[in-house]
Amino acid sequence: QGVFASKVDAKDKGLEVVREIDGGLETINIDLPAVLSADLRLNEPRYATLPNIMKAKKKKVEKVKPEDLGVDITPRIEVVNVEDPPVREAGQSVGDVEELVGKLKDKGF
């Protein structure tokens, strides 16, 4: 499995994945198609600079409807029933350990 991947390289007919395990790092080869999950060390984050933030504020965002992209958004899940969880009983305060043990014995614990 390509889980906890910290380095991914494309090879002949698949991927070479370096993954983190308890004892260190393990290198495995995976055939494509494959599903990978990434470790935090896979990529270094890019931090936005103030000039780029200002440019992004001015940039227009194109609004596209799903129908324009040919995407079917009809719901495929039918909600049959929704119920609230049962109401919890109120807690009880006990003065000391003996009272606690007595109440637990009365309840059958």
Protein backbone atom coordinates (compact mmCIF):
# COMPACT_ATOMS: atom_id res chain seq x y z
CA GLN A 1 0.00 0.00 0.00
CA GLY A 2 1.19 3.50 -0.75
CA VAL A 3 0.26 4.96 2.61
CA PHE A 4 2.26 7.58 4.52
CA ALA A 5 4.28 8.36 1.37
CA SER A 6 7.13 10.78 1.97
CA LYS A 7 8.62 10.52 -1.55
CA VAL A 8 7.05 9.37 -4.84
CA ASP A 9 8.97 8.73 -8.09
CA ALA A 10 7.57 7.52 -11.42
CA LYS A 11 9.28 4.34 -12.64
CA ASP A 12 8.83 2.05 -15.68
CA LYS A 13 5.29 0.74 -15.13
CA GLY A 14 4.49 2.11 -11.70
CA LEU A 15 5.67 4.18 -8.80
CA GLU A 16 8.52 3.94 -6.35
CA VAL A 17 7.19 5.08 -2.99
CA VAL A 18 9.25 5.80 0.09
CA ARG A 19 6.96 5.42 3.07
CA GLU A 20 7.35 5.91 6.78
CA ILE A 21 7.02 2.88 9.04
CA ASP A 22 7.70 2.36 12.74
CA GLY A 23 11.32 1.33 12.18
CA GLY A 24 12.24 4.08 9.72
CA LEU A 25 11.67 4.39 5.97
CA GLU A 26 10.59 1.65 3.56
CA THR A 27 10.88 1.78 -0.25
CA ILE A 28 8.21 -0.09 -2.21
CA ASN A 29 7.21 -0.38 -5.87
CA ILE A 30 3.52 -0.05 -6.77
CA ASP A 31 1.81 -0.82 -10.09
CA LEU A 32 -0.50 1.79 -11.59
CA PRO A 33 -3.34 2.62 -11.09
CA ALA A 34 -2.69 3.18 -7.38
CA VAL A 35 -4.07 5.09 -4.43
CA LEU A 36 -1.59 6.96 -2.24
CA SER A 37 -1.82 8.82 1.03
CA ALA A 38 0.75 11.47 1.84
CA ASP A 39 2.94 12.01 4.85
CA LEU A 40 3.56 15.55 6.05
CA ARG A 41 7.10 15.40 4.66
CA LEU A 42 5.98 14.83 1.05
CA ASN A 43 5.72 18.52 0.17
CA GLU A 44 6.93 21.72 1.71
CA PRO A 45 4.16 24.28 1.99
CA ARG A 46 4.31 27.46 -0.03
CA TYR A 47 3.48 30.56 1.93
CA ALA A 48 1.61 33.36 0.22
CA THR A 49 3.37 36.71 0.08
CA LEU A 50 1.53 39.98 0.55
CA PRO A 51 1.89 41.11 -3.10
CA ASN A 52 0.44 37.80 -4.31
CA ILE A 53 -2.45 38.07 -1.85
CA MET A 54 -3.25 41.55 -3.22
CA LYS A 55 -3.11 40.25 -6.82
CA ALA A 56 -5.45 37.39 -5.93
CA LYS A 57 -8.00 39.82 -4.45
CA LYS A 58 -8.19 41.71 -7.74
CA LYS A 59 -8.46 38.62 -9.94
CA LYS A 60 -11.94 37.77 -11.27
CA VAL A 61 -13.41 34.42 -10.34
CA GLU A 62 -15.28 32.76 -13.19
CA LYS A 63 -18.58 31.24 -12.10
CA VAL A 64 -19.49 28.04 -13.91
CA LYS A 65 -22.64 25.98 -13.52
CA PRO A 66 -22.36 22.18 -13.26
CA GLU A 67 -24.54 21.78 -16.36
CA ASP A 68 -21.96 23.75 -18.39
CA LEU A 69 -19.33 21.18 -17.42
CA GLY A 70 -21.54 18.18 -18.17
CA VAL A 71 -21.73 17.10 -14.53
CA ASP A 72 -24.82 15.28 -13.29
CA ILE A 73 -25.69 16.59 -9.81
CA THR A 74 -28.89 14.65 -9.20
CA PRO A 75 -28.89 13.16 -5.68
CA ARG A 76 -28.06 9.46 -5.56
CA ILE A 77 -28.78 8.96 -1.86
CA GLU A 78 -32.26 8.70 -0.40
CA VAL A 79 -32.67 9.71 3.25
CA VAL A 80 -35.09 7.21 4.73
CA ASN A 81 -35.21 8.33 8.34
CA VAL A 82 -33.47 10.78 10.69
CA GLU A 83 -33.80 10.48 14.46
CA ASP A 84 -32.34 12.38 17.38
CA PRO A 85 -30.07 10.39 19.69
CA PRO A 86 -31.61 9.27 22.97
CA VAL A 87 -31.54 11.86 25.75
CA ARG A 88 -28.89 11.17 28.36
CA GLU A 89 -29.88 10.74 31.97
CA ALA A 90 -28.78 13.38 34.43
CA GLY A 91 -25.63 12.62 36.36
CA GLN A 92 -25.49 12.17 40.13
CA SER A 93 -23.04 13.60 42.62
CA VAL A 94 -21.59 11.37 45.32
CA GLY A 95 -19.96 12.55 48.52
CA ASP A 96 -17.36 9.81 48.96
CA VAL A 97 -16.07 6.51 47.62
CA GLU A 98 -18.32 4.35 49.78
CA GLU A 99 -21.44 6.04 48.42
CA LEU A 100 -20.15 5.59 44.85
CA VAL A 101 -19.47 1.89 45.42
CA GLY A 102 -22.91 1.46 46.97
CA LYS A 103 -24.67 3.10 44.00
CA LEU A 104 -22.67 1.00 41.53
CA LYS A 105 -23.61 -2.19 43.41
CA ASP A 106 -27.30 -1.16 43.37
CA LYS A 107 -27.12 -0.73 39.58
CA GLY A 108 -25.54 -4.17 39.19
CA PHE A 109 -21.98 -3.17 38.26
